[in-house]
All heavy atoms as atom14 arrays in JSON, in Angstrom:
{
  "sequence": "FSIITAVGEAVANAVEHAYRGEEGYFYVRPTI",
  "atom14_mask": [
    [1, 1, 1, 1, 1, 1, 1, 1, 1, 1, 1, 0, 0, 0],
    [1, 1, 1, 1, 1, 1, 0, 0, 0, 0, 0, 0, 0, 0],
    [1, 1, 1, 1, 1, 1, 1, 1, 0, 0, 0, 0, 0, 0],
    [1, 1, 1, 1, 1, 1, 1, 1, 0, 0, 0, 0, 0, 0],
    [1, 1, 1, 1, 1, 1, 1, 0, 0, 0, 0, 0, 0, 0],
    [1, 1, 1, 1, 1, 0, 0, 0, 0, 0, 0, 0, 0, 0],
    [1, 1, 1, 1, 1, 1, 1, 0, 0, 0, 0, 0, 0, 0],
    [1, 1, 1, 1, 0, 0, 0, 0, 0, 0, 0, 0, 0, 0],
    [1, 1, 1, 1, 1, 1, 1, 1, 1, 0, 0, 0, 0, 0],
    [1, 1, 1, 1, 1, 0, 0, 0, 0, 0, 0, 0, 0, 0],
    [1, 1, 1, 1, 1, 1, 1, 0, 0, 0, 0, 0, 0, 0],
    [1, 1, 1, 1, 1, 0, 0, 0, 0, 0, 0, 0, 0, 0],
    [1, 1, 1, 1, 1, 1, 1, 1, 0, 0, 0, 0, 0, 0],
    [1, 1, 1, 1, 1, 0, 0, 0, 0, 0, 0, 0, 0, 0],
    [1, 1, 1, 1, 1, 1, 1, 0, 0, 0, 0, 0, 0, 0],
    [1, 1, 1, 1, 1, 1, 1, 1, 1, 0, 0, 0, 0, 0],
    [1, 1, 1, 1, 1, 1, 1, 1, 1, 1, 0, 0, 0, 0],
    [1, 1, 1, 1, 1, 0, 0, 0, 0, 0, 0, 0, 0, 0],
    [1, 1, 1, 1, 1, 1, 1, 1, 1, 1, 1, 1, 0, 0],
    [1, 1, 1, 1, 1, 1, 1, 1, 1, 1, 1, 0, 0, 0],
    [1, 1, 1, 1, 0, 0, 0, 0, 0, 0, 0, 0, 0, 0],
    [1, 1, 1, 1, 1, 1, 1, 1, 1, 0, 0, 0, 0, 0],
    [1, 1, 1, 1, 1, 1, 1, 1, 1, 0, 0, 0, 0, 0],
    [1, 1, 1, 1, 0, 0, 0, 0, 0, 0, 0, 0, 0, 0],
    [1, 1, 1, 1, 1, 1, 1, 1, 1, 1, 1, 1, 0, 0],
    [1, 1, 1, 1, 1, 1, 1, 1, 1, 1, 1, 0, 0, 0],
    [1, 1, 1, 1, 1, 1, 1, 1, 1, 1, 1, 1, 0, 0],
    [1, 1, 1, 1, 1, 1, 1, 0, 0, 0, 0, 0, 0, 0],
    [1, 1, 1, 1, 1, 1, 1, 1, 1, 1, 1, 0, 0, 0],
    [1, 1, 1, 1, 1, 1, 1, 0, 0, 0, 0, 0, 0, 0],
    [1, 1, 1, 1, 1, 1, 1, 0, 0, 0, 0, 0, 0, 0],
    [1, 1, 1, 1, 1, 1, 1, 1, 0, 0, 0, 0, 0, 0]
  ],
  "atom14_positions": [
    [[136.74, 2.75, 8.64], [135.65, 2.58, 7.62], [134.29, 2.3, 8.03], [133.28, 2.93, 7.77], [136.12, 1.49, 6.68], [134.99, 1.21, 5.46], [134.9, 2.07, 4.45], [134.07, 0.18, 5.66], [133.94, 1.81, 3.42], [133.13, -0.06, 4.68], [133.04, 0.82, 3.58], [0.0, 0.0, 0.0], [0.0, 0.0, 0.0], [0.0, 0.0, 0.0]],
    [[134.11, 1.46, 9.04], [132.78, 1.05, 9.68], [132.21, 2.34, 10.42], [131.01, 2.61, 10.11], [132.99, -0.1, 10.64], [133.45, -1.19, 10.07], [0.0, 0.0, 0.0], [0.0, 0.0, 0.0], [0.0, 0.0, 0.0], [0.0, 0.0, 0.0], [0.0, 0.0, 0.0], [0.0, 0.0, 0.0], [0.0, 0.0, 0.0], [0.0, 0.0, 0.0]],
    [[133.07, 3.06, 11.06], [132.54, 4.18, 11.77], [132.07, 5.28, 10.88], [131.03, 5.87, 11.07], [133.66, 4.81, 12.81], [133.89, 3.69, 13.89], [133.25, 6.13, 13.46], [135.11, 4.01, 14.73], [0.0, 0.0, 0.0], [0.0, 0.0, 0.0], [0.0, 0.0, 0.0], [0.0, 0.0, 0.0], [0.0, 0.0, 0.0], [0.0, 0.0, 0.0]],
    [[132.95, 5.63, 9.95], [132.59, 6.61, 8.87], [131.36, 6.35, 8.02], [130.61, 7.14, 7.94], [133.9, 6.86, 8.01], [134.91, 7.45, 8.69], [133.47, 7.75, 6.8], [136.3, 7.65, 7.92], [0.0, 0.0, 0.0], [0.0, 0.0, 0.0], [0.0, 0.0, 0.0], [0.0, 0.0, 0.0], [0.0, 0.0, 0.0], [0.0, 0.0, 0.0]],
    [[131.17, 5.05, 7.66], [130.11, 4.63, 7.03], [128.81, 4.71, 7.83], [127.72, 5.23, 7.38], [130.19, 3.33, 6.44], [131.49, 3.09, 5.69], [129.04, 2.83, 5.62], [0.0, 0.0, 0.0], [0.0, 0.0, 0.0], [0.0, 0.0, 0.0], [0.0, 0.0, 0.0], [0.0, 0.0, 0.0], [0.0, 0.0, 0.0], [0.0, 0.0, 0.0]],
    [[128.87, 4.25, 9.13], [127.69, 4.35, 9.88], [127.18, 5.64, 10.18], [125.97, 6.09, 10.18], [127.95, 3.47, 11.07], [0.0, 0.0, 0.0], [0.0, 0.0, 0.0], [0.0, 0.0, 0.0], [0.0, 0.0, 0.0], [0.0, 0.0, 0.0], [0.0, 0.0, 0.0], [0.0, 0.0, 0.0], [0.0, 0.0, 0.0], [0.0, 0.0, 0.0]],
    [[128.19, 6.5, 10.63], [127.89, 8.04, 10.82], [127.36, 8.68, 9.59], [126.57, 9.54, 9.68], [129.1, 8.65, 11.44], [128.82, 10.09, 11.65], [129.59, 8.02, 12.69], [0.0, 0.0, 0.0], [0.0, 0.0, 0.0], [0.0, 0.0, 0.0], [0.0, 0.0, 0.0], [0.0, 0.0, 0.0], [0.0, 0.0, 0.0], [0.0, 0.0, 0.0]],
    [[128.0, 8.28, 8.48], [127.46, 8.94, 7.35], [125.98, 8.61, 7.02], [125.32, 9.67, 6.48], [0.0, 0.0, 0.0], [0.0, 0.0, 0.0], [0.0, 0.0, 0.0], [0.0, 0.0, 0.0], [0.0, 0.0, 0.0], [0.0, 0.0, 0.0], [0.0, 0.0, 0.0], [0.0, 0.0, 0.0], [0.0, 0.0, 0.0], [0.0, 0.0, 0.0]],
    [[125.49, 7.48, 7.35], [124.11, 7.25, 7.23], [123.32, 8.15, 8.12], [122.2, 8.7, 7.76], [123.71, 5.74, 7.52], [124.3, 4.87, 6.6], [123.69, 4.94, 5.18], [122.38, 5.36, 5.06], [124.26, 4.67, 4.14], [0.0, 0.0, 0.0], [0.0, 0.0, 0.0], [0.0, 0.0, 0.0], [0.0, 0.0, 0.0], [0.0, 0.0, 0.0]],
    [[123.75, 8.34, 9.33], [123.17, 9.21, 10.32], [123.06, 10.66, 9.85], [122.01, 11.37, 9.9], [123.64, 9.09, 11.8], [0.0, 0.0, 0.0], [0.0, 0.0, 0.0], [0.0, 0.0, 0.0], [0.0, 0.0, 0.0], [0.0, 0.0, 0.0], [0.0, 0.0, 0.0], [0.0, 0.0, 0.0], [0.0, 0.0, 0.0], [0.0, 0.0, 0.0]],
    [[124.11, 11.13, 9.38], [124.29, 12.5, 8.8], [123.34, 12.66, 7.72], [122.67, 13.69, 7.46], [125.74, 12.74, 8.55], [125.97, 14.07, 7.58], [126.57, 12.91, 9.7], [0.0, 0.0, 0.0], [0.0, 0.0, 0.0], [0.0, 0.0, 0.0], [0.0, 0.0, 0.0], [0.0, 0.0, 0.0], [0.0, 0.0, 0.0], [0.0, 0.0, 0.0]],
    [[123.41, 11.77, 6.72], [122.47, 11.75, 5.51], [121.0, 11.98, 5.86], [120.29, 12.68, 5.26], [122.69, 10.66, 4.7], [0.0, 0.0, 0.0], [0.0, 0.0, 0.0], [0.0, 0.0, 0.0], [0.0, 0.0, 0.0], [0.0, 0.0, 0.0], [0.0, 0.0, 0.0], [0.0, 0.0, 0.0], [0.0, 0.0, 0.0], [0.0, 0.0, 0.0]],
    [[120.7, 11.2, 7.01], [119.26, 11.3, 7.46], [118.99, 12.68, 7.93], [117.96, 13.32, 7.68], [118.92, 10.24, 8.41], [118.78, 8.87, 7.87], [118.5, 8.78, 6.72], [119.1, 7.93, 8.67], [0.0, 0.0, 0.0], [0.0, 0.0, 0.0], [0.0, 0.0, 0.0], [0.0, 0.0, 0.0], [0.0, 0.0, 0.0], [0.0, 0.0, 0.0]],
    [[119.91, 13.22, 8.66], [119.72, 14.51, 9.35], [119.67, 15.68, 8.31], [118.74, 16.58, 8.36], [120.84, 14.84, 10.25], [0.0, 0.0, 0.0], [0.0, 0.0, 0.0], [0.0, 0.0, 0.0], [0.0, 0.0, 0.0], [0.0, 0.0, 0.0], [0.0, 0.0, 0.0], [0.0, 0.0, 0.0], [0.0, 0.0, 0.0], [0.0, 0.0, 0.0]],
    [[120.46, 15.6, 7.28], [120.41, 16.52, 6.13], [119.1, 16.38, 5.35], [118.55, 17.49, 4.97], [121.65, 16.32, 5.26], [121.64, 17.18, 3.96], [122.98, 16.61, 6.02], [0.0, 0.0, 0.0], [0.0, 0.0, 0.0], [0.0, 0.0, 0.0], [0.0, 0.0, 0.0], [0.0, 0.0, 0.0], [0.0, 0.0, 0.0], [0.0, 0.0, 0.0]],
    [[118.7, 15.1, 5.17], [117.53, 15.0, 4.08], [116.23, 15.22, 4.84], [115.32, 15.79, 4.25], [117.57, 13.53, 3.56], [116.54, 13.27, 2.6], [116.63, 11.94, 1.9], [117.58, 11.13, 2.33], [115.78, 11.67, 1.13], [0.0, 0.0, 0.0], [0.0, 0.0, 0.0], [0.0, 0.0, 0.0], [0.0, 0.0, 0.0], [0.0, 0.0, 0.0]],
    [[116.06, 14.8, 6.02], [114.71, 14.74, 6.68], [114.54, 15.82, 7.83], [113.43, 16.08, 8.09], [114.58, 13.34, 7.28], [114.55, 12.28, 6.29], [113.81, 12.13, 5.21], [115.52, 11.23, 6.26], [114.21, 11.11, 4.58], [115.23, 10.47, 5.16], [0.0, 0.0, 0.0], [0.0, 0.0, 0.0], [0.0, 0.0, 0.0], [0.0, 0.0, 0.0]],
    [[115.6, 16.34, 8.44], [115.27, 17.03, 9.72], [114.62, 18.41, 9.48], [113.75, 18.7, 10.37], [116.71, 17.26, 10.44], [0.0, 0.0, 0.0], [0.0, 0.0, 0.0], [0.0, 0.0, 0.0], [0.0, 0.0, 0.0], [0.0, 0.0, 0.0], [0.0, 0.0, 0.0], [0.0, 0.0, 0.0], [0.0, 0.0, 0.0], [0.0, 0.0, 0.0]],
    [[114.91, 19.17, 8.5], [114.5, 20.6, 8.43], [113.54, 20.81, 7.27], [113.17, 22.03, 7.01], [115.67, 21.44, 8.4], [116.65, 21.32, 9.71], [117.7, 20.65, 9.78], [116.03, 21.98, 10.89], [118.52, 20.49, 10.95], [116.86, 21.86, 12.08], [118.0, 21.01, 12.13], [118.7, 20.97, 13.1], [0.0, 0.0, 0.0], [0.0, 0.0, 0.0]],
    [[113.13, 19.94, 6.57], [112.05, 20.08, 5.38], [112.56, 21.32, 4.54], [111.67, 22.18, 4.25], [110.75, 20.36, 6.0], [110.41, 19.24, 7.08], [108.98, 19.44, 7.58], [108.76, 18.41, 8.67], [107.5, 18.36, 9.23], [106.46, 19.07, 8.89], [107.34, 17.6, 10.19], [0.0, 0.0, 0.0], [0.0, 0.0, 0.0], [0.0, 0.0, 0.0]],
    [[113.77, 21.24, 4.12], [114.24, 22.44, 3.31], [114.48, 23.74, 3.96], [115.02, 24.76, 3.3], [0.0, 0.0, 0.0], [0.0, 0.0, 0.0], [0.0, 0.0, 0.0], [0.0, 0.0, 0.0], [0.0, 0.0, 0.0], [0.0, 0.0, 0.0], [0.0, 0.0, 0.0], [0.0, 0.0, 0.0], [0.0, 0.0, 0.0], [0.0, 0.0, 0.0]],
    [[114.17, 23.81, 5.23], [114.57, 25.11, 5.99], [116.04, 25.11, 6.45], [116.66, 24.05, 6.5], [113.63, 25.29, 7.06], [112.09, 25.43, 6.69], [111.23, 25.53, 7.86], [111.64, 25.37, 8.99], [110.01, 25.69, 7.69], [0.0, 0.0, 0.0], [0.0, 0.0, 0.0], [0.0, 0.0, 0.0], [0.0, 0.0, 0.0], [0.0, 0.0, 0.0]],
    [[116.51, 26.21, 6.95], [117.81, 26.31, 7.54], [117.89, 25.51, 8.85], [116.83, 25.58, 9.63], [118.31, 27.85, 7.77], [118.54, 28.53, 6.5], [118.96, 29.9, 6.83], [119.63, 30.12, 7.75], [118.46, 30.93, 5.9], [0.0, 0.0, 0.0], [0.0, 0.0, 0.0], [0.0, 0.0, 0.0], [0.0, 0.0, 0.0], [0.0, 0.0, 0.0]],
    [[118.93, 24.81, 9.02], [119.13, 24.11, 10.32], [120.47, 23.61, 10.46], [121.33, 23.67, 9.57], [0.0, 0.0, 0.0], [0.0, 0.0, 0.0], [0.0, 0.0, 0.0], [0.0, 0.0, 0.0], [0.0, 0.0, 0.0], [0.0, 0.0, 0.0], [0.0, 0.0, 0.0], [0.0, 0.0, 0.0], [0.0, 0.0, 0.0], [0.0, 0.0, 0.0]],
    [[120.74, 23.05, 11.74], [122.04, 22.59, 11.94], [121.99, 21.16, 12.65], [121.01, 20.75, 13.13], [122.85, 23.57, 12.98], [122.83, 25.02, 12.41], [121.9, 25.85, 12.79], [123.98, 25.35, 11.67], [122.06, 27.12, 12.36], [124.07, 26.7, 11.2], [123.12, 27.53, 11.65], [123.2, 28.85, 11.17], [0.0, 0.0, 0.0], [0.0, 0.0, 0.0]],
    [[123.13, 20.49, 12.57], [123.34, 19.19, 13.26], [124.63, 19.22, 13.91], [125.55, 19.93, 13.34], [123.01, 17.96, 12.38], [124.12, 17.82, 11.28], [125.18, 17.05, 11.62], [124.01, 18.32, 10.03], [126.19, 16.77, 10.61], [124.93, 18.04, 9.11], [125.99, 17.32, 9.32], [0.0, 0.0, 0.0], [0.0, 0.0, 0.0], [0.0, 0.0, 0.0]],
    [[124.82, 18.5, 14.83], [126.06, 18.32, 15.69], [126.59, 16.91, 15.51], [125.82, 15.87, 15.43], [125.94, 18.74, 17.17], [125.52, 20.13, 17.31], [124.15, 20.48, 17.23], [126.42, 21.03, 17.73], [123.74, 21.84, 17.45], [126.21, 22.37, 17.89], [124.87, 22.8, 17.83], [124.54, 24.02, 18.0], [0.0, 0.0, 0.0], [0.0, 0.0, 0.0]],
    [[127.85, 16.77, 15.53], [128.61, 15.45, 15.61], [129.54, 15.55, 16.72], [130.43, 16.45, 16.81], [129.35, 15.14, 14.3], [129.99, 13.79, 14.31], [128.4, 15.1, 13.1], [0.0, 0.0, 0.0], [0.0, 0.0, 0.0], [0.0, 0.0, 0.0], [0.0, 0.0, 0.0], [0.0, 0.0, 0.0], [0.0, 0.0, 0.0], [0.0, 0.0, 0.0]],
    [[129.56, 14.61, 17.64], [130.41, 14.62, 18.84], [131.07, 13.22, 18.9], [130.44, 12.25, 19.4], [129.48, 14.84, 20.12], [128.86, 16.2, 20.12], [128.09, 16.39, 21.42], [127.3, 17.59, 21.33], [126.08, 17.8, 20.99], [125.41, 16.6, 20.55], [125.45, 18.9, 21.01], [0.0, 0.0, 0.0], [0.0, 0.0, 0.0], [0.0, 0.0, 0.0]],
    [[132.19, 13.03, 18.58], [133.09, 11.78, 18.61], [133.87, 11.85, 19.99], [134.45, 12.74, 20.27], [133.79, 11.81, 17.47], [134.27, 13.3, 17.22], [133.08, 14.07, 17.66], [0.0, 0.0, 0.0], [0.0, 0.0, 0.0], [0.0, 0.0, 0.0], [0.0, 0.0, 0.0], [0.0, 0.0, 0.0], [0.0, 0.0, 0.0], [0.0, 0.0, 0.0]],
    [[133.8, 10.7, 20.58], [134.63, 10.53, 21.8], [135.02, 9.12, 21.9], [134.57, 8.21, 21.34], [133.7, 10.9, 23.14], [132.6, 9.88, 23.16], [133.25, 12.21, 23.11], [0.0, 0.0, 0.0], [0.0, 0.0, 0.0], [0.0, 0.0, 0.0], [0.0, 0.0, 0.0], [0.0, 0.0, 0.0], [0.0, 0.0, 0.0], [0.0, 0.0, 0.0]],
    [[136.07, 8.94, 22.79], [136.58, 7.52, 22.99], [137.08, 7.5, 24.47], [137.63, 8.42, 25.02], [137.82, 7.33, 22.06], [138.32, 5.91, 22.28], [138.94, 8.27, 22.2], [139.21, 5.42, 21.18], [0.0, 0.0, 0.0], [0.0, 0.0, 0.0], [0.0, 0.0, 0.0], [0.0, 0.0, 0.0], [0.0, 0.0, 0.0], [0.0, 0.0, 0.0]]
  ]
}
């Protein structure tokens, strides 16, 4: 739950702020 919640905040920021309404991508890389 902690991991999903924390990563969700980072993803939400990338979606909302990174591309200013233009097309773009983000990557998620989980490792252990």
